[in-house]
Amino acid sequence: MTTATRPVVRFAPSPTGKLHIGNLRPAILNWLFAKKHGGTFILRFDDTDLERSKEEHVAAAREDLQWLGLTWDREERQSLRSARYGEIAAQLKASGHLYPCYEAEDELDRRRKRQLARGLPPTYDRASLRLTAAQRSALEAEGRKPYWRFRLKNTDRTDSFDPVPTLVTWPDLVRGDQSVDVGSLSDPVLIRADGSCLYTFTTVVDDWDFGITHIIRGEDHVTNTAVQIQIFEALGAPLPQFAHHSLLVGGDGQALSKRLGSLSLAGMRADGIEPLALACHAALVGTSDPIEIYPSLQALSATFDVSKLSRAPGRFDLDDLFGLNAKLLHTMPFEAVAPRLEHLGVGGGAPFWMAVRSNIRIVADSKMWWDIVAAPSLPVIENAAFCASAAAILPPEPWDAATWDRWTTAVKASTGLKGRALFHPLRLALTGRDAGPELKTLLPLIGRKRALGRLSGETT
């Protein structure tokens, strides 16, 4: 892209709860797109629902994004833009695109039920468009306050307000050419009777004002897009490009929507997931690229392309995420984890970390191995006579990475045992575990005194 066409994108969470994996996907995709093309990434809080929006959720969202490394160029709050929304609403009312309605919810519900009983779609019948000025005045004199609907452009007839099939089409960057029949939709409510504005309206005003060039979001917004395109057109605003990515399903293929509360970013952070592992997984799931660890977010952005996003659902599995997390730790240098190891009470420095990093899924797992190395541990003696023979020829210190091979070669020669019969009893006695890090790296950390005690069946 040229400088003149550098994209402006946005991530627009509603601060009514914690960010979860479903939120993260559009956040990371928009961020990578902006970085790939030298564009602008805007964080916009859709907080017009004053009752449910909480400042604690705003702060938590910022913290989650910063933890992931997703910086933003600009932050906006819809709750601070009510005057602007009022200005645009007045413009749409004056042009006839917004019209007042007076039905109570129970009235609308009865109409929907009648329509369904007749085999008709339960769409709004545009009854308020048929009201005369005198009838509207009479309703308002009764104390009714109007709410406002946007009149979809789906009929050119002057003798009827009944909609006719009308396709809104756009070239979607993920889904290809898209069409939605707005003739089958209800005119959307944009402004409630109390004057508060709904998402369908405020997001269009914001996207216009902030110069959003690309809207990358979930496919559950496809129908919204058709309506919002008509609002853009009613305002004479330029249309952004749209890209609707697929939604996530669980490892069992079922929708994640009911489980998102248990998949919050804060929760996964507390469970030990590394931010880069989570970002890579969220960015690559549901694409044509393999899910793997990249050196950095910048390296990941260099390979990003919306054309790689699949229309098939992305499969999010926590086990896969933990596996990816383990792969990241397997190559992570000691310097990157040193403060966290110290906080966990894990010693041993770089030699210990290099010894155990290939055998853990999260950093906190290293505490178990440090306790095995340095804390009193009850050995598991599988073959007492064999362990006694091995203890008798345990070499003197100092020990290094070559000590294990020299010692086990001597034990093999002394006992005649080899393979599992040789190595398994030694591992059980020294660590109490069937498997784990290479003993050639653990043995020098355990030390001769502790190793000798464990081979003798003592808790050392």
Protein backbone atom coordinates (compact mmCIF):
# COMPACT_ATOMS: atom_id res chain seq x y z
CA MET A 1 0.00 0.00 0.00
CA THR A 2 1.15 3.56 -0.65
CA THR A 3 1.40 6.19 2.05
CA ALA A 4 -1.89 7.67 0.87
CA THR A 5 -3.67 4.36 1.30
CA ARG A 6 -2.18 3.23 4.59
CA PRO A 7 -5.00 1.52 6.47
CA VAL A 8 -6.77 2.75 9.55
CA VAL A 9 -8.38 -0.06 11.53
CA ARG A 10 -9.98 -0.40 14.94
CA PHE A 11 -10.61 -2.88 17.71
CA ALA A 12 -13.84 -1.95 19.47
CA PRO A 13 -14.61 -4.00 22.58
CA SER A 14 -17.60 -3.32 24.82
CA PRO A 15 -16.27 -3.01 28.39
CA THR A 16 -19.05 -5.10 29.90
CA GLY A 17 -16.81 -8.02 30.86
CA LYS A 18 -13.36 -9.52 30.46
CA LEU A 19 -11.69 -9.85 27.08
CA HIS A 20 -11.77 -13.45 25.90
CA ILE A 21 -10.38 -15.50 23.05
CA GLY A 22 -13.32 -14.46 20.85
CA ASN A 23 -12.37 -10.80 21.32
CA LEU A 24 -8.70 -11.44 20.80
CA ARG A 25 -9.08 -12.76 17.27
CA PRO A 26 -10.33 -9.50 15.68
CA ALA A 27 -7.93 -7.52 17.88
CA ILE A 28 -4.86 -9.40 16.70
CA LEU A 29 -6.00 -9.57 13.06
CA ASN A 30 -6.59 -5.82 12.90
CA TRP A 31 -3.30 -5.08 14.67
CA LEU A 32 -1.29 -7.32 12.33
CA PHE A 33 -2.98 -5.79 9.29
CA ALA A 34 -2.11 -2.28 10.46
CA LYS A 35 1.50 -3.18 11.23
CA LYS A 36 1.96 -5.06 7.95
CA HIS A 37 0.94 -1.99 5.95
CA GLY A 38 2.30 0.79 8.16
CA GLY A 39 -1.21 1.81 9.18
CA THR A 40 -3.02 3.05 12.29
CA PHE A 41 -4.59 0.84 14.97
CA ILE A 42 -7.32 2.48 17.05
CA LEU A 43 -8.64 1.11 20.34
CA ARG A 44 -12.25 2.21 20.67
CA PHE A 45 -14.37 1.36 23.66
CA ASP A 46 -18.02 0.90 22.70
CA ASP A 47 -19.27 1.99 26.12
CA THR A 48 -22.61 3.62 25.36
CA ASP A 49 -24.32 1.01 27.56
CA LEU A 50 -23.66 3.03 30.71
CA GLU A 51 -25.37 0.53 32.98
CA ARG A 52 -23.24 -2.46 31.97
CA SER A 53 -19.99 -0.74 30.99
CA LYS A 54 -17.47 -0.63 33.83
CA GLU A 55 -14.22 1.27 34.19
CA GLU A 56 -12.64 -1.83 35.70
CA HIS A 57 -13.26 -3.63 32.42
CA VAL A 58 -11.74 -0.73 30.47
CA ALA A 59 -8.61 -0.91 32.61
CA ALA A 60 -8.47 -4.70 32.36
CA ALA A 61 -8.78 -4.58 28.55
CA ARG A 62 -5.88 -2.14 28.33
CA GLU A 63 -3.81 -4.37 30.59
CA ASP A 64 -4.61 -7.49 28.56
CA LEU A 65 -3.67 -5.83 25.27
CA GLN A 66 -0.45 -4.41 26.70
CA TRP A 67 0.46 -7.84 28.09
CA LEU A 68 0.01 -9.26 24.60
CA GLY A 69 2.16 -6.51 23.10
CA LEU A 70 -0.70 -4.95 21.12
CA THR A 71 -0.05 -1.23 21.32
CA TRP A 72 -2.49 1.27 19.87
CA ASP A 73 -1.99 4.61 18.14
CA ARG A 74 -5.16 6.21 19.46
CA GLU A 75 -7.90 5.54 21.99
CA GLU A 76 -11.53 6.62 21.73
CA ARG A 77 -14.57 6.31 23.98
CA GLN A 78 -18.09 6.32 22.59
CA SER A 79 -19.45 7.57 25.90
CA LEU A 80 -17.69 10.89 25.22
CA ARG A 81 -19.24 11.36 21.78
CA SER A 82 -22.96 11.72 22.51
CA ALA A 83 -23.05 15.27 21.11
CA ARG A 84 -21.67 14.05 17.80
CA TYR A 85 -24.20 11.22 17.63
CA GLY A 86 -26.98 13.72 18.33
CA GLU A 87 -25.75 15.92 15.49
CA ILE A 88 -25.74 13.05 12.99
CA ALA A 89 -29.10 11.77 14.24
CA ALA A 90 -30.62 15.20 13.60
CA GLN A 91 -29.21 15.09 10.08
CA LEU A 92 -30.78 11.69 9.41
CA LYS A 93 -34.10 12.76 10.88
CA ALA A 94 -34.14 15.84 8.67
CA SER A 95 -33.42 13.76 5.57
CA GLY A 96 -36.18 11.28 6.43
CA HIS A 97 -33.80 8.36 6.96
CA LEU A 98 -34.75 8.17 10.64
CA TYR A 99 -38.41 8.03 11.52
CA PRO A 100 -40.16 8.04 14.93
CA CYS A 101 -41.96 4.97 16.26
CA TYR A 102 -44.25 4.71 19.25
CA GLU A 103 -44.98 1.04 19.90
CA ALA A 104 -44.34 -0.41 23.33
CA GLU A 105 -42.40 -3.66 23.46
CA ASP A 106 -45.48 -5.71 24.28
CA GLU A 107 -47.22 -4.33 21.19
CA LEU A 108 -44.30 -5.32 19.01
CA ASP A 109 -44.24 -8.74 20.60
CA ARG A 110 -47.93 -9.32 19.82
CA ARG A 111 -47.39 -8.29 16.21
CA ARG A 112 -44.46 -10.66 15.84
CA LYS A 113 -46.50 -13.54 17.21
CA ARG A 114 -49.35 -12.79 14.79
CA GLN A 115 -46.94 -12.71 11.86
CA LEU A 116 -45.37 -16.01 12.87
CA ALA A 117 -48.82 -17.57 13.24
CA ARG A 118 -49.57 -16.52 9.66
CA GLY A 119 -46.29 -18.00 8.43
CA LEU A 120 -44.75 -14.56 7.85
CA PRO A 121 -41.31 -13.36 8.93
CA PRO A 122 -41.53 -11.37 12.21
CA THR A 123 -40.20 -8.13 10.74
CA TYR A 124 -41.37 -4.64 11.65
CA ASP A 125 -44.40 -3.67 9.57
CA ARG A 126 -43.51 0.03 9.33
CA ALA A 127 -46.77 0.96 11.00
CA SER A 128 -45.29 4.20 12.32
CA LEU A 129 -44.49 5.36 8.80
CA ARG A 130 -48.22 5.31 8.12
CA LEU A 131 -49.04 7.68 10.99
CA THR A 132 -50.18 11.18 10.16
CA ALA A 133 -48.71 14.20 11.90
CA ALA A 134 -51.92 14.50 13.95
CA GLN A 135 -51.69 10.88 15.05
CA ARG A 136 -48.06 11.31 16.11
CA SER A 137 -48.97 14.40 18.07
CA ALA A 138 -51.80 12.56 19.80
CA LEU A 139 -49.49 9.72 20.83
CA GLU A 140 -46.93 12.16 22.19
CA ALA A 141 -49.68 13.98 24.07
CA GLU A 142 -50.39 10.66 25.80
CA GLY A 143 -46.80 10.73 27.07
CA ARG A 144 -45.30 8.36 24.54
CA LYS A 145 -41.72 9.16 23.60
CA PRO A 146 -40.62 8.02 20.17
CA TYR A 147 -37.77 5.68 19.46
CA TRP A 148 -36.18 6.01 16.02
CA ARG A 149 -35.75 3.49 13.23
CA PHE A 150 -33.58 3.77 10.15
CA ARG A 151 -35.62 3.34 6.99
CA LEU A 152 -33.88 0.75 4.88
CA LYS A 153 -33.80 1.55 1.21
CA ASN A 154 -35.78 -1.46 -0.02
CA THR A 155 -38.69 -0.02 -1.97
CA ASP A 156 -39.15 2.77 -4.46
CA ARG A 157 -42.94 2.55 -4.42
CA THR A 158 -44.81 5.67 -3.46
CA ASP A 159 -48.11 3.90 -2.84
CA SER A 160 -46.81 1.43 -0.24
CA PHE A 161 -44.22 1.16 2.49
CA ASP A 162 -43.97 -2.60 2.08
CA PRO A 163 -40.38 -3.67 1.32
CA VAL A 164 -39.38 -5.62 -1.75
CA PRO A 165 -36.33 -7.88 -2.15
CA THR A 166 -33.30 -5.58 -2.28
CA LEU A 167 -29.72 -6.83 -2.34
CA VAL A 168 -26.88 -4.92 -0.70
CA THR A 169 -23.61 -6.26 -2.08
CA TRP A 170 -19.95 -5.71 -1.35
CA PRO A 171 -16.63 -7.40 -2.17
CA ASP A 172 -15.58 -9.03 1.11
CA LEU A 173 -11.84 -9.49 1.52
CA VAL A 174 -12.36 -12.91 3.16
CA ARG A 175 -15.71 -14.20 1.90
CA GLY A 176 -15.65 -12.86 -1.65
CA ASP A 177 -18.71 -11.13 -3.11
CA GLN A 178 -21.42 -10.88 -0.46
CA SER A 179 -25.12 -10.08 -0.76
CA VAL A 180 -27.74 -9.52 1.91
CA ASP A 181 -31.41 -8.97 1.15
CA VAL A 182 -32.36 -5.98 3.29
CA GLY A 183 -35.92 -6.41 2.10
CA SER A 184 -36.16 -9.31 4.53
CA LEU A 185 -34.97 -7.24 7.52
CA SER A 186 -36.72 -4.97 9.96
CA ASP A 187 -35.84 -1.31 9.85
CA PRO A 188 -33.25 -1.22 12.65
CA VAL A 189 -33.73 0.81 15.80
CA LEU A 190 -30.86 3.29 16.02
CA ILE A 191 -32.03 5.50 18.90
CA ARG A 192 -33.98 4.40 21.95
CA ALA A 193 -36.83 6.39 23.47
CA ASP A 194 -34.46 7.64 26.20
CA GLY A 195 -32.20 9.13 23.52
CA SER A 196 -29.39 6.57 23.85
CA CYS A 197 -27.87 5.30 20.63
CA LEU A 198 -27.35 1.70 19.54
CA TYR A 199 -24.21 0.09 18.18
CA THR A 200 -25.42 -0.12 14.58
CA PHE A 201 -25.55 3.68 14.48
CA THR A 202 -22.61 4.76 16.64
CA THR A 203 -20.12 2.46 14.96
CA VAL A 204 -20.90 3.95 11.53
CA VAL A 205 -20.46 7.50 12.83
CA ASP A 206 -17.17 6.57 14.48
CA ASP A 207 -15.85 4.70 11.46
CA TRP A 208 -16.63 7.72 9.29
CA ASP A 209 -15.19 10.29 11.68
CA PHE A 210 -12.02 8.33 12.39
CA GLY A 211 -11.35 7.50 8.76
CA ILE A 212 -11.54 3.73 9.17
CA THR A 213 -10.48 2.17 5.88
CA HIS A 214 -10.88 -1.52 6.70
CA ILE A 215 -13.28 -3.28 9.06
CA ILE A 216 -12.04 -6.74 10.00
CA ARG A 217 -14.53 -8.54 12.23
CA GLY A 218 -16.43 -11.79 12.72
CA GLU A 219 -18.85 -13.25 10.22
CA ASP A 220 -21.67 -12.78 12.74
CA HIS A 221 -21.65 -9.13 11.61
CA VAL A 222 -22.39 -9.86 7.94
CA THR A 223 -26.05 -8.82 8.20
CA ASN A 224 -25.06 -5.74 10.24
CA THR A 225 -22.72 -4.78 7.42
CA ALA A 226 -25.53 -4.60 4.87
CA VAL A 227 -27.49 -2.26 7.16
CA GLN A 228 -24.44 -0.16 7.97
CA ILE A 229 -23.58 0.21 4.31
CA GLN A 230 -26.95 1.86 3.81
CA ILE A 231 -26.29 4.17 6.77
CA PHE A 232 -22.90 5.12 5.30
CA GLU A 233 -24.64 5.87 2.02
CA ALA A 234 -27.37 7.92 3.72
CA LEU A 235 -24.63 10.06 5.29
CA GLY A 236 -22.71 10.42 2.06
CA ALA A 237 -19.73 8.81 3.80
CA PRO A 238 -17.07 6.72 2.02
CA LEU A 239 -17.40 2.97 2.49
CA PRO A 240 -14.63 1.07 4.26
CA GLN A 241 -13.54 -2.30 2.95
CA PHE A 242 -14.95 -5.24 4.88
CA ALA A 243 -13.38 -8.54 5.87
CA HIS A 244 -15.50 -11.00 7.84
CA HIS A 245 -13.45 -13.81 9.37
CA SER A 246 -14.92 -17.09 10.54
CA LEU A 247 -15.81 -17.68 14.18
CA LEU A 248 -14.05 -20.04 16.55
CA VAL A 249 -15.27 -23.45 17.62
CA GLY A 250 -13.90 -25.66 20.38
CA GLY A 251 -11.76 -28.73 19.92
CA ASP A 252 -14.99 -30.74 19.83
CA GLY A 253 -16.31 -28.65 16.94
CA GLN A 254 -18.99 -27.00 19.09
CA ALA A 255 -19.48 -23.22 19.31
CA LEU A 256 -17.36 -21.45 21.90
CA SER A 257 -19.91 -18.74 22.60
CA LYS A 258 -21.20 -20.28 25.85
CA ARG A 259 -17.71 -20.98 27.15
CA LEU A 260 -16.00 -17.68 26.42
CA GLY A 261 -16.28 -16.58 30.04
CA SER A 262 -13.92 -19.39 31.02
CA LEU A 263 -11.51 -18.46 28.23
CA SER A 264 -10.71 -14.93 29.30
CA LEU A 265 -7.29 -13.54 28.48
CA ALA A 266 -6.74 -12.82 32.17
CA GLY A 267 -7.59 -16.42 33.00
CA MET A 268 -5.21 -17.84 30.40
CA ARG A 269 -2.53 -15.45 31.61
CA ALA A 270 -3.05 -16.71 35.17
CA ASP A 271 -2.83 -20.29 33.86
CA GLY A 272 0.68 -19.58 32.58
CA ILE A 273 0.10 -19.03 28.87
CA GLU A 274 2.81 -16.87 27.31
CA PRO A 275 1.53 -13.80 25.42
CA LEU A 276 3.41 -14.63 22.23
CA ALA A 277 2.01 -18.17 22.19
CA LEU A 278 -1.52 -16.87 22.62
CA ALA A 279 -1.06 -14.18 19.96
CA CYS A 280 0.38 -16.65 17.44
CA HIS A 281 -2.43 -19.14 18.07
CA ALA A 282 -5.16 -16.49 17.76
CA ALA A 283 -3.63 -15.07 14.57
CA LEU A 284 -3.03 -18.37 12.80
CA VAL A 285 -6.03 -20.49 13.79
CA GLY A 286 -8.48 -20.60 10.92
CA THR A 287 -5.86 -19.62 8.32
CA SER A 288 -3.98 -21.50 5.63
CA ASP A 289 -0.73 -21.12 7.62
CA PRO A 290 0.43 -23.71 10.16
CA ILE A 291 0.01 -22.73 13.80
CA GLU A 292 3.53 -22.20 15.04
CA ILE A 293 5.62 -19.85 17.11
CA TYR A 294 7.05 -16.75 15.43
CA PRO A 295 10.01 -14.90 16.92
CA SER A 296 7.92 -11.79 17.57
CA LEU A 297 4.65 -10.05 16.73
CA GLN A 298 6.54 -8.03 14.14
CA ALA A 299 7.71 -11.20 12.42
CA LEU A 300 4.15 -12.51 12.52
CA SER A 301 2.80 -9.31 10.97
CA ALA A 302 5.21 -9.59 8.06
CA THR A 303 3.49 -12.80 6.94
CA PHE A 304 -0.08 -11.68 7.58
CA ASP A 305 -2.56 -11.52 4.73
CA VAL A 306 -6.36 -11.50 5.00
CA SER A 307 -6.50 -13.76 1.95
CA LYS A 308 -5.14 -16.54 4.19
CA LEU A 309 -8.21 -16.40 6.43
CA SER A 310 -10.44 -19.40 5.81
CA ARG A 311 -14.23 -19.37 5.69
CA ALA A 312 -14.22 -22.59 7.72
CA PRO A 313 -14.50 -22.16 11.51
CA GLY A 314 -11.22 -21.83 13.38
CA ARG A 315 -10.73 -24.67 15.87
CA PHE A 316 -9.55 -23.41 19.26
CA ASP A 317 -8.35 -26.12 21.62
CA LEU A 318 -6.73 -25.35 24.96
CA ASP A 319 -4.56 -28.45 24.72
CA ASP A 320 -3.20 -27.20 21.40
CA LEU A 321 -2.53 -23.80 22.97
CA PHE A 322 -0.63 -25.36 25.87
CA GLY A 323 1.34 -27.44 23.38
CA LEU A 324 2.28 -24.31 21.47
CA ASN A 325 3.17 -22.66 24.75
CA ALA A 326 5.53 -25.53 25.55
CA LYS A 327 7.24 -25.15 22.16
CA LEU A 328 7.86 -21.50 22.93
CA LEU A 329 9.38 -22.30 26.34
CA HIS A 330 11.63 -24.95 24.80
CA THR A 331 13.59 -22.20 23.06
CA MET A 332 13.17 -19.38 25.57
CA PRO A 333 16.47 -18.00 26.96
CA PHE A 334 17.05 -17.86 30.69
CA GLU A 335 17.13 -14.05 30.68
CA ALA A 336 13.51 -13.94 29.51
CA VAL A 337 12.26 -15.92 32.51
CA ALA A 338 14.79 -15.13 35.24
CA PRO A 339 12.55 -12.70 37.19
CA ARG A 340 9.63 -15.14 37.15
CA LEU A 341 11.82 -18.03 38.27
CA GLU A 342 13.08 -15.93 41.15
CA HIS A 343 9.50 -15.06 42.09
CA LEU A 344 8.65 -18.78 42.11
CA GLY A 345 11.59 -19.52 44.39
CA VAL A 346 13.40 -21.45 41.67
CA GLY A 347 17.19 -21.37 41.80
CA GLY A 348 19.86 -23.01 39.73
CA GLY A 349 20.25 -20.16 37.28
CA ALA A 350 20.68 -20.74 33.59
CA PRO A 351 21.95 -24.35 33.95
CA PHE A 352 18.75 -25.42 35.67
CA TRP A 353 16.49 -23.59 33.19
CA MET A 354 18.31 -25.07 30.22
CA ALA A 355 17.96 -28.51 31.81
CA VAL A 356 14.19 -28.39 32.37
CA ARG A 357 12.72 -26.02 29.77
CA SER A 358 12.06 -28.84 27.29
CA ASN A 359 9.98 -30.70 29.85
CA ILE A 360 7.48 -28.05 30.94
CA ARG A 361 4.28 -26.60 29.49
CA ILE A 362 4.27 -23.41 31.57
CA VAL A 363 7.02 -21.61 33.49
CA ALA A 364 5.45 -22.53 36.83
CA ASP A 365 6.08 -26.23 36.07
CA SER A 366 9.77 -25.52 36.66
CA LYS A 367 9.04 -25.26 40.41
CA MET A 368 8.26 -28.97 40.55
CA TRP A 369 11.59 -29.83 38.96
CA TRP A 370 13.46 -27.43 41.21
CA ASP A 371 11.93 -29.11 44.25
CA ILE A 372 13.01 -32.49 42.84
CA VAL A 373 16.54 -31.18 42.38
CA ALA A 374 16.99 -29.16 45.56
CA ALA A 375 14.36 -30.12 48.14
CA PRO A 376 14.20 -33.29 50.28
CA SER A 377 12.61 -35.93 48.08
CA LEU A 378 11.43 -39.46 48.81
CA PRO A 379 13.09 -41.76 46.27
CA VAL A 380 11.36 -44.62 44.51
CA ILE A 381 13.55 -47.72 44.79
CA GLU A 382 12.71 -50.22 42.07
CA ASN A 383 15.78 -52.46 42.51
CA ALA A 384 17.53 -51.97 45.86
CA ALA A 385 20.52 -54.17 45.09
CA PHE A 386 21.11 -52.49 41.77
CA CYS A 387 20.85 -49.01 43.33
CA ALA A 388 23.33 -50.00 46.04
CA SER A 389 25.80 -51.20 43.40
CA ALA A 390 25.35 -47.95 41.44
CA ALA A 391 25.87 -45.89 44.62
CA ALA A 392 29.10 -47.72 45.37
CA ILE A 393 30.70 -46.49 42.16
CA LEU A 394 29.25 -42.98 42.17
CA PRO A 395 32.16 -40.79 41.05
CA PRO A 396 33.55 -37.96 43.16
CA GLU A 397 32.69 -34.33 42.43
CA PRO A 398 33.07 -31.94 40.64
CA TRP A 399 30.41 -33.08 38.21
CA ASP A 400 29.54 -31.85 34.74
CA ALA A 401 27.39 -32.91 31.79
CA ALA A 402 29.75 -35.80 31.02
CA THR A 403 29.48 -37.35 34.52
CA TRP A 404 26.24 -39.19 33.80
CA ASP A 405 27.64 -41.06 30.78
CA ARG A 406 30.85 -42.01 32.61
CA TRP A 407 28.92 -43.25 35.63
CA THR A 408 26.26 -45.25 33.77
CA THR A 409 28.96 -46.84 31.59
CA ALA A 410 30.67 -48.01 34.77
CA VAL A 411 27.36 -49.22 36.26
CA LYS A 412 26.58 -51.16 33.08
CA ALA A 413 29.98 -52.85 33.20
CA SER A 414 29.58 -53.65 36.90
CA THR A 415 26.01 -55.00 36.82
CA GLY A 416 25.61 -56.26 33.28
CA LEU A 417 22.32 -54.37 32.94
CA LYS A 418 21.49 -52.10 30.01
CA GLY A 419 18.63 -50.18 28.43
CA ARG A 420 15.53 -49.68 30.55
CA ALA A 421 16.76 -52.08 33.22
CA LEU A 422 19.73 -49.80 33.71
CA PHE A 423 18.29 -46.33 33.33
CA HIS A 424 14.76 -46.61 34.76
CA PRO A 425 15.77 -47.58 38.34
CA LEU A 426 18.31 -44.75 38.40
CA ARG A 427 15.75 -42.18 37.23
CA LEU A 428 13.18 -43.34 39.78
CA ALA A 429 15.69 -43.23 42.62
CA LEU A 430 17.11 -39.82 41.70
CA THR A 431 13.89 -38.00 40.73
CA GLY A 432 10.92 -40.13 41.78
CA ARG A 433 9.58 -39.75 38.24
CA ASP A 434 9.28 -42.12 35.28
CA ALA A 435 10.29 -39.44 32.81
CA GLY A 436 11.72 -35.96 32.71
CA PRO A 437 14.75 -33.88 31.73
CA GLU A 438 17.94 -35.59 30.66
CA LEU A 439 19.70 -36.89 33.74
CA LYS A 440 23.06 -35.80 32.40
CA THR A 441 21.88 -32.21 32.99
CA LEU A 442 20.02 -32.88 36.27
CA LEU A 443 22.69 -34.97 37.99
CA PRO A 444 25.19 -32.11 38.51
CA LEU A 445 22.34 -30.01 39.94
CA ILE A 446 21.24 -32.75 42.34
CA GLY A 447 24.81 -33.17 43.59
CA ARG A 448 26.66 -36.19 44.94
CA LYS A 449 25.47 -36.03 48.56
CA ARG A 450 21.77 -35.94 47.63
CA ALA A 451 22.20 -38.52 44.86
CA LEU A 452 23.97 -40.92 47.20
CA GLY A 453 21.22 -40.59 49.81
CA ARG A 454 18.45 -41.21 47.28
CA LEU A 455 20.17 -44.26 45.85
CA SER A 456 20.29 -45.57 49.42
CA GLY A 457 16.52 -45.00 49.83
CA GLU A 458 16.85 -41.93 52.04
CA THR A 459 14.70 -38.78 51.79
CA THR A 460 17.28 -36.20 50.75
